[in-house]
């Protein structure tokens, strides 16, 4: 199995092998420096994830020392150094537990601050909850590159790039964030991504170290000529590949269904006169792939006039027939007026007979006063109290350019989103949950929802 690798990669000399064994044995052992770097990288990665900062997350990848025990585990298993194997496994286990625990604590504290952090899941967190076979390929290539660069004395400058490509700390911190906010989907997805990187890096590193000439000092068990450590690593990679394929198929099916829904709406929308599609929101509270689930759609359109109730019902029935699923729709119609500035203006000429060099406009005010007094008139005062709330003008701000979700109710389901700087009206609704204050708003399209007060700037 490894003959072709041995031909491709030049084996190392004895002195270089001894140096790499000693170095990885030292780096793979749990030490004060190792745990300090684990804590610092976990703090950096957690803050980068909850603030949605890709630059900060990259910094955490460079600081994280988890690559060393993984490569140490690969090398020691190939070389038959069982003591180093035990040290690497212990360091890896302790580092993982420490990173998840610290991330969970930081996320819990951030979630209960008055700054409304993690009120909406940032994209950087969501990106680490959807692993795919592509992540497996990246981890295999990254693990091979890390092992090769570590063994070659002139390629050490490539290790930071490998650390970035094979992200280990961000998925672990995402697991801690998921535990803090009690989101099983985030926990499971991020954990699968971390295990994918772990097994793939270990397997690729094992193959590269074998190709470089590392061998156990005593007899090694094989199965049909394949070393047992390589076989075990390959089985682990195969085991993690199965859920990755399943998750990827789920994503593909969901994307296909979403595309089918979008096409069905576009196909049936012309039944409403002069209607133009603005946005479609698919409620994913239930599994979209379950044939018994009800697909809830929020369709936003622009039209010259509001559609009738009959048209909305007919639209719902047609969409359900097209995609062969039970559909519940909420139609938001925004009135619009079409203005065409390309129509040329009509010029009206005024013919004047004879020269008229000057023109004088004279306005003479005329006042007419007419008063009729009726002494028998009776005035009966009538006081009626009528309080009509006047919406206040405000803006969405402090979202760092990411926008904010507007919800049906405080901490409820999102119904639409607004970008930074969006103009809104402040309505009468006020509610406080924990340390977070929520305000009811209305956007320029007439949609009403709730948003944390932290993200609202009220114009004085």
Protein backbone atom coordinates (compact mmCIF):
# COMPACT_ATOMS: atom_id res chain seq x y z
CA UNK A 1 0.00 0.00 0.00
CA UNK A 2 2.79 2.40 0.88
CA UNK A 3 5.31 1.38 -1.82
CA UNK A 4 4.22 4.16 -4.17
CA UNK A 5 4.61 6.72 -1.39
CA UNK A 6 8.12 5.47 -0.62
CA UNK A 7 9.04 5.96 -4.27
CA UNK A 8 7.55 9.45 -4.30
CA UNK A 9 9.02 10.68 -0.99
CA UNK A 10 12.71 10.33 -0.25
CA UNK A 11 13.32 8.50 3.09
CA UNK A 12 15.08 10.45 5.83
CA UNK A 13 18.48 9.65 7.25
CA UNK A 14 18.86 8.19 10.73
CA UNK A 15 19.87 11.45 12.42
CA UNK A 16 16.86 13.33 11.06
CA UNK A 17 14.54 10.55 12.17
CA UNK A 18 15.92 10.66 15.71
CA UNK A 19 15.54 14.46 15.80
CA UNK A 20 11.88 14.32 14.69
CA UNK A 21 11.09 11.55 17.18
CA UNK A 22 12.58 13.54 20.08
CA UNK A 23 10.91 16.79 18.99
CA UNK A 24 7.42 15.35 18.55
CA UNK A 25 7.74 13.33 21.75
CA UNK A 26 8.44 16.57 23.61
CA UNK A 27 5.75 18.62 21.84
CA UNK A 28 3.16 15.89 22.30
CA UNK A 29 3.56 15.71 26.07
CA UNK A 30 1.15 17.73 28.25
CA UNK A 31 3.10 20.65 29.71
CA UNK A 32 2.49 24.10 31.14
CA UNK A 33 3.30 25.76 27.81
CA UNK A 34 0.90 23.43 26.01
CA UNK A 35 -2.01 24.23 28.32
CA UNK A 36 -1.28 27.98 28.27
CA UNK A 37 -1.44 27.98 24.47
CA UNK A 38 -4.63 25.91 24.56
CA UNK A 39 -6.27 28.46 26.87
CA UNK A 40 -5.12 31.48 24.86
CA UNK A 41 -6.10 30.01 21.49
CA UNK A 42 -9.47 28.95 22.90
CA UNK A 43 -10.16 32.49 24.16
CA UNK A 44 -9.13 34.02 20.82
CA UNK A 45 -11.16 31.54 18.77
CA UNK A 46 -14.27 31.91 20.96
CA UNK A 47 -14.18 35.70 20.78
CA UNK A 48 -13.60 35.55 17.04
CA UNK A 49 -16.56 33.22 16.54
CA UNK A 50 -19.10 35.15 18.61
CA UNK A 51 -17.99 38.48 17.09
CA UNK A 52 -17.95 36.98 13.59
CA UNK A 53 -14.34 38.03 12.94
CA UNK A 54 -12.50 35.80 10.45
CA UNK A 55 -9.16 37.53 11.14
CA UNK A 56 -9.35 36.75 14.86
CA UNK A 57 -10.24 33.12 14.14
CA UNK A 58 -7.19 32.78 11.86
CA UNK A 59 -5.05 34.11 14.70
CA UNK A 60 -6.41 31.41 17.00
CA UNK A 61 -5.51 28.72 14.44
CA UNK A 62 -1.89 29.89 14.46
CA UNK A 63 -1.65 29.81 18.26
CA UNK A 64 -3.38 26.45 18.80
CA UNK A 65 -0.88 23.64 19.62
CA UNK A 66 -3.22 20.70 18.84
CA UNK A 67 -1.39 19.72 15.66
CA UNK A 68 1.66 18.53 17.63
CA UNK A 69 -0.03 15.74 19.66
CA UNK A 70 -1.92 14.56 16.56
CA UNK A 71 1.28 14.23 14.52
CA UNK A 72 3.02 12.82 17.57
CA UNK A 73 0.32 10.16 17.78
CA UNK A 74 0.84 9.30 14.09
CA UNK A 75 4.62 9.15 14.31
CA UNK A 76 4.80 7.24 17.59
CA UNK A 77 2.32 4.64 16.36
CA UNK A 78 4.43 4.13 13.22
CA UNK A 79 7.70 3.99 15.15
CA UNK A 80 6.28 1.75 17.88
CA UNK A 81 6.88 4.30 20.67
CA UNK A 82 4.01 3.28 22.94
CA UNK A 83 4.96 5.67 25.75
CA UNK A 84 4.76 8.61 23.34
CA UNK A 85 1.41 7.31 22.07
CA UNK A 86 0.02 7.43 25.60
CA UNK A 87 1.39 10.94 26.19
CA UNK A 88 -0.04 12.21 22.89
CA UNK A 89 -3.49 10.75 23.57
CA UNK A 90 -3.50 12.23 27.09
CA UNK A 91 -2.39 15.67 25.84
CA UNK A 92 -4.97 15.61 23.05
CA UNK A 93 -7.79 14.58 25.38
CA UNK A 94 -6.92 17.15 28.04
CA UNK A 95 -6.52 19.90 25.44
CA UNK A 96 -9.91 19.13 23.88
CA UNK A 97 -11.70 19.13 27.24
CA UNK A 98 -9.97 22.36 28.33
CA UNK A 99 -10.80 24.16 25.07
CA UNK A 100 -14.47 23.13 25.10
CA UNK A 101 -14.90 23.99 28.79
CA UNK A 102 -13.28 27.40 28.51
CA UNK A 103 -15.24 28.23 25.35
CA UNK A 104 -18.48 27.17 27.03
CA UNK A 105 -17.82 29.41 30.04
CA UNK A 106 -16.90 32.43 27.90
CA UNK A 107 -19.94 31.93 25.65
CA UNK A 108 -22.27 31.56 28.62
CA UNK A 109 -20.99 34.82 30.11
CA UNK A 110 -21.22 36.58 26.73
CA UNK A 111 -24.76 35.29 26.19
CA UNK A 112 -25.93 36.82 29.46
CA UNK A 113 -24.35 40.23 28.99
CA UNK A 114 -26.46 43.27 28.08
CA UNK A 115 -24.70 43.54 24.70
CA UNK A 116 -27.02 40.95 23.06
CA UNK A 117 -24.10 38.81 21.89
CA UNK A 118 -25.18 35.50 20.31
CA UNK A 119 -28.77 36.70 20.01
CA UNK A 120 -28.40 35.69 16.35
CA UNK A 121 -25.94 32.94 15.44
CA UNK A 122 -23.02 34.53 13.51
CA UNK A 123 -22.13 33.06 10.08
CA UNK A 124 -18.65 32.07 11.30
CA UNK A 125 -20.26 29.70 13.81
CA UNK A 126 -22.77 28.31 11.34
CA UNK A 127 -19.97 27.67 8.83
CA UNK A 128 -18.46 25.14 11.26
CA UNK A 129 -21.67 23.20 11.79
CA UNK A 130 -22.04 21.86 8.24
CA UNK A 131 -19.09 19.53 7.51
CA UNK A 132 -18.84 17.84 4.13
CA UNK A 133 -16.53 15.42 2.30
CA UNK A 134 -14.64 18.48 1.06
CA UNK A 135 -13.52 19.10 4.66
CA UNK A 136 -12.22 15.53 4.77
CA UNK A 137 -10.15 16.09 1.61
CA UNK A 138 -8.77 19.37 3.03
CA UNK A 139 -7.80 17.65 6.29
CA UNK A 140 -6.10 14.75 4.47
CA UNK A 141 -4.04 17.14 2.35
CA UNK A 142 -3.30 19.33 5.38
CA UNK A 143 -2.19 16.40 7.52
CA UNK A 144 0.13 15.13 4.79
CA UNK A 145 1.55 18.63 4.29
CA UNK A 146 2.10 19.07 8.03
CA UNK A 147 3.95 15.78 8.40
CA UNK A 148 6.07 16.42 5.32
CA UNK A 149 6.92 20.01 6.29
CA UNK A 150 7.81 18.93 9.83
CA UNK A 151 10.22 16.28 8.57
CA UNK A 152 11.97 18.56 6.09
CA UNK A 153 14.29 21.13 7.72
CA UNK A 154 13.79 23.70 4.94
CA UNK A 155 9.97 23.70 4.99
CA UNK A 156 9.17 24.84 8.52
CA UNK A 157 7.80 28.15 7.20
CA UNK A 158 4.93 26.20 5.62
CA UNK A 159 3.59 25.03 8.99
CA UNK A 160 1.56 28.22 9.75
CA UNK A 161 -0.30 27.81 6.47
CA UNK A 162 -1.01 24.18 7.32
CA UNK A 163 -2.34 25.21 10.73
CA UNK A 164 -4.80 27.58 9.06
CA UNK A 165 -6.01 25.03 6.50
CA UNK A 166 -6.53 22.27 9.06
CA UNK A 167 -8.63 24.21 11.55
CA UNK A 168 -8.77 22.38 14.87
CA UNK A 169 -9.49 24.95 17.57
CA UNK A 170 -12.49 26.77 15.94
CA UNK A 171 -14.65 23.59 15.72
CA UNK A 172 -13.88 22.78 19.36
CA UNK A 173 -14.84 26.27 20.47
CA UNK A 174 -18.00 26.02 18.37
CA UNK A 175 -18.89 22.89 20.37
CA UNK A 176 -18.47 24.91 23.57
CA UNK A 177 -20.64 27.71 22.18
CA UNK A 178 -23.33 25.19 21.24
CA UNK A 179 -23.30 23.78 24.78
CA UNK A 180 -23.56 27.29 26.25
CA UNK A 181 -26.63 28.22 24.19
CA UNK A 182 -28.09 24.67 24.25
CA UNK A 183 -28.13 24.13 20.47
CA UNK A 184 -27.71 20.39 19.68
CA UNK A 185 -27.36 21.06 15.95
CA UNK A 186 -24.33 23.27 16.52
CA UNK A 187 -22.77 20.78 18.96
CA UNK A 188 -23.18 17.79 16.66
CA UNK A 189 -22.08 19.54 13.46
CA UNK A 190 -18.96 21.12 14.99
CA UNK A 191 -17.99 17.86 16.74
CA UNK A 192 -18.22 15.95 13.45
CA UNK A 193 -16.00 18.58 11.80
CA UNK A 194 -13.37 18.30 14.55
CA UNK A 195 -13.34 14.48 14.41
CA UNK A 196 -13.03 14.69 10.63
CA UNK A 197 -9.94 16.88 10.93
CA UNK A 198 -8.50 14.74 13.74
CA UNK A 199 -8.83 11.35 12.01
CA UNK A 200 -7.84 12.64 8.57
CA UNK A 201 -4.71 14.44 9.82
CA UNK A 202 -3.66 11.39 11.83
CA UNK A 203 -4.19 9.03 8.90
CA UNK A 204 -2.39 11.23 6.36
CA UNK A 205 0.48 11.82 8.78
CA UNK A 206 0.84 8.08 9.34
CA UNK A 207 1.17 7.42 5.61
CA UNK A 208 3.75 10.18 5.13
CA UNK A 209 5.87 9.04 8.09
CA UNK A 210 5.86 5.46 6.79
CA UNK A 211 6.93 6.72 3.37
CA UNK A 212 9.81 8.60 5.01
CA UNK A 213 11.21 5.38 6.39
CA UNK A 214 9.96 5.32 9.98
CA UNK A 215 9.60 1.77 11.24
CA UNK A 216 9.03 0.17 14.67
CA UNK A 217 12.09 -1.08 16.49
CA UNK A 218 10.46 -4.48 16.99
CA UNK A 219 8.16 -6.74 15.02
CA UNK A 220 4.99 -5.04 13.87
CA UNK A 221 1.66 -6.84 13.28
CA UNK A 222 0.27 -6.61 9.77
CA UNK A 223 -2.89 -7.62 7.95
CA UNK A 224 -2.25 -8.71 4.37
CA UNK A 225 0.94 -6.68 4.40
CA UNK A 226 -0.75 -3.55 5.78
CA UNK A 227 0.56 -2.31 9.17
CA UNK A 228 -2.13 -2.46 11.84
CA UNK A 229 -1.74 1.20 12.81
CA UNK A 230 -2.37 2.24 9.21
CA UNK A 231 -5.37 -0.07 9.04
CA UNK A 232 -6.86 1.36 12.27
CA UNK A 233 -6.36 4.94 11.06
CA UNK A 234 -8.00 4.09 7.73
CA UNK A 235 -11.00 2.52 9.50
CA UNK A 236 -11.46 5.68 11.61
CA UNK A 237 -11.37 7.84 8.48
CA UNK A 238 -13.91 5.55 6.83
CA UNK A 239 -16.18 5.73 9.88
CA UNK A 240 -16.14 9.52 9.88
CA UNK A 241 -16.74 9.60 6.12
CA UNK A 242 -20.13 7.91 6.48
CA UNK A 243 -21.83 10.70 8.51
CA UNK A 244 -20.13 13.31 6.31
CA UNK A 245 -21.72 11.80 3.21
CA UNK A 246 -25.08 11.58 4.98
CA UNK A 247 -24.92 15.23 6.10
CA UNK A 248 -23.87 16.35 2.62
CA UNK A 249 -26.77 14.48 1.03
CA UNK A 250 -29.13 16.19 3.49
CA UNK A 251 -27.77 19.59 2.50
CA UNK A 252 -28.09 18.79 -1.20
CA UNK A 253 -31.69 17.62 -0.81
CA UNK A 254 -32.58 20.71 1.24
CA UNK A 255 -30.97 22.99 -1.35
CA UNK A 256 -32.84 21.24 -4.17
CA UNK A 257 -36.15 21.59 -2.31
CA UNK A 258 -35.49 25.28 -1.65
CA UNK A 259 -34.72 25.81 -5.33
CA UNK A 260 -37.92 23.93 -6.27
CA UNK A 261 -39.95 26.15 -3.93
CA UNK A 262 -38.40 29.30 -5.39
CA UNK A 263 -39.17 28.20 -8.96
CA UNK A 264 -42.75 27.28 -8.00
CA UNK A 265 -43.33 30.75 -6.50
CA UNK A 266 -41.93 32.43 -9.60
CA UNK A 267 -44.13 30.24 -11.79
CA UNK A 268 -47.37 30.98 -9.91
CA UNK A 269 -46.75 34.63 -9.02
CA UNK A 270 -47.98 36.08 -12.38
CA UNK A 271 -51.56 35.30 -11.27
CA UNK A 272 -51.25 38.49 -9.18
CA UNK A 273 -51.25 41.52 -11.47
CA UNK A 274 -48.00 43.46 -11.70
CA UNK A 275 -46.45 41.47 -8.83
CA UNK A 276 -42.67 41.24 -8.46
CA UNK A 277 -40.93 38.86 -6.07
CA UNK A 278 -38.77 40.54 -3.42
CA UNK A 279 -37.84 37.73 -1.03
CA UNK A 280 -38.82 34.22 0.07
CA UNK A 281 -38.20 33.01 3.63
CA UNK A 282 -38.55 29.29 4.30
CA UNK A 283 -39.32 28.39 7.91
CA UNK A 284 -37.03 25.50 8.84
CA UNK A 285 -38.39 24.90 12.34
CA UNK A 286 -39.47 21.44 11.15
CA UNK A 287 -37.45 19.21 8.89
CA UNK A 288 -38.01 20.27 5.29
CA UNK A 289 -37.16 16.76 4.14
CA UNK A 290 -39.92 15.12 6.17
CA UNK A 291 -42.85 14.46 3.80
CA UNK A 292 -45.36 15.06 6.62
CA UNK A 293 -44.01 18.45 7.66
CA UNK A 294 -45.73 21.69 6.70
CA UNK A 295 -43.52 24.08 4.75
CA UNK A 296 -44.12 27.61 5.99
CA UNK A 297 -43.27 30.33 3.48
CA UNK A 298 -43.07 34.08 3.97
CA UNK A 299 -43.32 35.61 0.49
CA UNK A 300 -42.64 39.31 0.07
CA UNK A 301 -43.77 40.96 -3.16
CA UNK A 302 -44.21 44.40 -4.68
CA UNK A 303 -47.48 45.07 -6.48
CA UNK A 304 -49.48 48.02 -7.73
CA UNK A 305 -52.43 46.92 -5.57
CA UNK A 306 -52.93 44.49 -2.72
CA UNK A 307 -53.99 40.99 -3.85
CA UNK A 308 -57.34 39.63 -2.72
CA UNK A 309 -57.73 36.87 -0.16
CA UNK A 310 -58.92 34.55 -2.93
CA UNK A 311 -55.73 35.17 -4.91
CA UNK A 312 -53.56 34.35 -1.89
CA UNK A 313 -55.44 31.10 -1.27
CA UNK A 314 -55.16 30.19 -4.93
CA UNK A 315 -51.42 30.96 -4.88
CA UNK A 316 -50.96 28.69 -1.86
CA UNK A 317 -52.86 25.81 -3.53
CA UNK A 318 -50.90 26.13 -6.78
CA UNK A 319 -47.53 26.13 -5.00
CA UNK A 320 -48.55 23.05 -2.98
CA UNK A 321 -49.57 21.20 -6.16
CA UNK A 322 -46.35 22.15 -7.94
CA UNK A 323 -43.97 20.86 -5.23
CA UNK A 324 -46.38 18.14 -3.99
CA UNK A 325 -46.06 19.22 -0.35
CA UNK A 326 -48.29 20.84 2.27
CA UNK A 327 -47.59 24.57 2.21
CA UNK A 328 -48.62 27.43 4.47
CA UNK A 329 -47.83 30.90 3.15
CA UNK A 330 -47.79 34.40 4.53
CA UNK A 331 -47.89 36.98 1.76
CA UNK A 332 -46.45 40.46 2.42
CA UNK A 333 -47.45 42.89 -0.33
CA UNK A 334 -45.61 46.20 -0.57
CA UNK A 335 -47.49 48.82 -2.66
CA UNK A 336 -45.40 50.23 -5.46
CA UNK A 337 -45.77 52.85 -8.20
CA UNK A 338 -43.95 52.60 -11.49
CA UNK A 339 -42.39 55.87 -12.67
CA UNK A 340 -40.88 56.04 -16.15
CA UNK A 341 -38.44 58.96 -16.53
CA UNK A 342 -37.69 57.95 -20.13
CA UNK A 343 -41.04 59.33 -21.38
CA UNK A 344 -40.18 62.75 -22.94
CA UNK A 345 -42.03 65.76 -21.57
CA UNK A 346 -44.82 67.34 -23.63
CA UNK A 347 -43.94 70.87 -24.66
CA UNK A 348 -46.81 73.38 -24.81
CA UNK A 349 -46.08 76.50 -26.87
CA UNK A 350 -47.81 79.84 -26.29
CA UNK A 351 -48.20 82.10 -29.33
CA UNK A 352 -48.02 85.84 -28.67
CA UNK A 353 -49.11 88.35 -31.32
CA UNK A 354 -47.00 91.47 -31.47
CA UNK A 355 -43.88 92.38 -29.54
CA UNK A 356 -43.96 92.04 -25.84
CA UNK A 357 -40.57 93.05 -24.50
CA UNK A 358 -41.66 93.27 -20.93
CA UNK A 359 -44.10 91.36 -18.86
CA UNK A 360 -45.55 92.66 -15.64
CA UNK A 361 -47.42 90.51 -13.19
CA UNK A 362 -49.63 92.44 -10.84
CA UNK A 363 -51.32 90.79 -7.88
CA UNK A 364 -54.02 92.79 -6.15
CA UNK A 365 -55.29 91.24 -2.95
CA UNK A 366 -59.00 91.36 -2.42
CA UNK A 367 -60.52 90.73 0.97
CA UNK A 368 -64.16 89.95 1.51
CA UNK A 369 -65.51 89.80 5.02
CA UNK A 370 -68.91 88.45 5.78
CA UNK A 371 -69.97 87.71 9.35
CA UNK A 372 -73.36 86.65 10.62
CA UNK A 373 -74.07 86.73 14.33
CA UNK A 374 -76.78 84.58 15.81
CA UNK A 375 -77.30 85.49 19.46
CA UNK A 376 -79.46 82.42 20.00
CA UNK A 377 -76.61 80.00 19.24
CA UNK A 378 -75.84 77.50 22.01
CA UNK A 379 -72.34 76.04 22.36
CA UNK A 380 -72.10 72.66 24.06
CA UNK A 381 -68.54 71.59 24.83
CA UNK A 382 -67.71 67.95 24.13
CA UNK A 383 -64.38 66.48 25.26
CA UNK A 384 -63.26 63.15 23.82
CA UNK A 385 -59.93 61.66 24.85
CA UNK A 386 -58.20 59.94 21.96
CA UNK A 387 -54.57 58.91 22.26
CA UNK A 388 -52.95 57.87 18.99
CA UNK A 389 -49.36 56.69 19.29
CA UNK A 390 -46.97 58.49 16.98
CA UNK A 391 -44.15 56.25 15.73
CA UNK A 392 -40.64 57.59 16.29
CA UNK A 393 -38.06 57.58 13.53
CA UNK A 394 -35.03 55.36 14.17
CA UNK A 395 -32.30 53.35 12.47
CA UNK A 396 -30.72 49.92 12.77
CA UNK A 397 -27.06 50.25 13.76
CA UNK A 398 -24.17 48.49 15.57
CA UNK A 399 -24.50 45.25 13.55
CA UNK A 400 -20.94 45.48 12.12
CA UNK A 401 -22.41 45.31 8.63
CA UNK A 402 -24.04 41.91 9.22
CA UNK A 403 -27.62 43.12 9.73
CA UNK A 404 -30.05 41.84 12.36
CA UNK A 405 -33.00 39.46 12.35
CA UNK A 406 -36.42 40.88 13.19
CA UNK A 407 -38.51 38.39 15.17
CA UNK A 408 -42.21 37.64 15.59
CA UNK A 409 -41.82 38.14 19.33
CA UNK A 410 -38.89 38.72 21.70
CA UNK A 411 -36.46 35.81 21.21
CA UNK A 412 -39.01 34.26 18.86
CA UNK A 413 -38.65 32.99 15.31
CA UNK A 414 -37.04 35.39 12.78
CA UNK A 415 -39.44 36.69 10.12
CA UNK A 416 -37.14 38.98 8.14
CA UNK A 417 -33.82 40.80 8.42
CA UNK A 418 -32.71 44.43 8.18
CA UNK A 419 -29.32 45.77 7.20
CA UNK A 420 -27.23 48.29 9.08
CA UNK A 421 -28.69 51.77 8.60
CA UNK A 422 -32.20 50.57 7.72
CA UNK A 423 -34.93 53.13 8.49
CA UNK A 424 -37.57 51.97 11.01
CA UNK A 425 -40.46 53.28 13.11
CA UNK A 426 -40.54 52.66 16.86
CA UNK A 427 -43.91 51.31 18.01
CA UNK A 428 -45.38 51.00 21.51
CA UNK A 429 -44.28 47.42 22.28
CA UNK A 430 -41.65 47.08 25.00
CA UNK A 431 -40.49 43.91 26.78
CA UNK A 432 -37.50 42.91 28.90
CA UNK A 433 -36.19 39.34 29.04
CA UNK A 434 -33.25 38.87 31.37
CA UNK A 435 -30.84 41.71 30.66
CA UNK A 436 -32.09 42.22 27.11
CA UNK A 437 -34.63 44.90 26.26
CA UNK A 438 -36.76 44.43 23.14
CA UNK A 439 -38.66 47.06 21.16
CA UNK A 440 -41.44 46.58 18.61
CA UNK A 441 -40.61 48.21 15.26
CA UNK A 442 -41.99 48.61 11.76
CA UNK A 443 -39.82 48.87 8.65
CA UNK A 444 -40.49 50.91 5.51
CA UNK A 445 -42.29 47.94 3.95
CA UNK A 446 -44.85 47.93 6.76
CA UNK A 447 -43.54 44.74 8.39
CA UNK A 448 -43.79 44.64 12.18
CA UNK A 449 -41.53 42.71 14.54
CA UNK A 450 -39.28 42.84 17.60
CA UNK A 451 -35.59 43.73 17.78
CA UNK A 452 -33.14 44.13 20.70
CA UNK A 453 -32.92 47.76 21.82
CA UNK A 454 -29.12 47.51 21.60
CA UNK A 455 -29.31 47.65 17.80
CA UNK A 456 -31.65 50.68 17.58
CA UNK A 457 -30.60 54.31 17.21
CA UNK A 458 -33.48 56.72 17.82
CA UNK A 459 -33.11 59.98 15.95
CA UNK A 460 -33.30 62.93 18.37
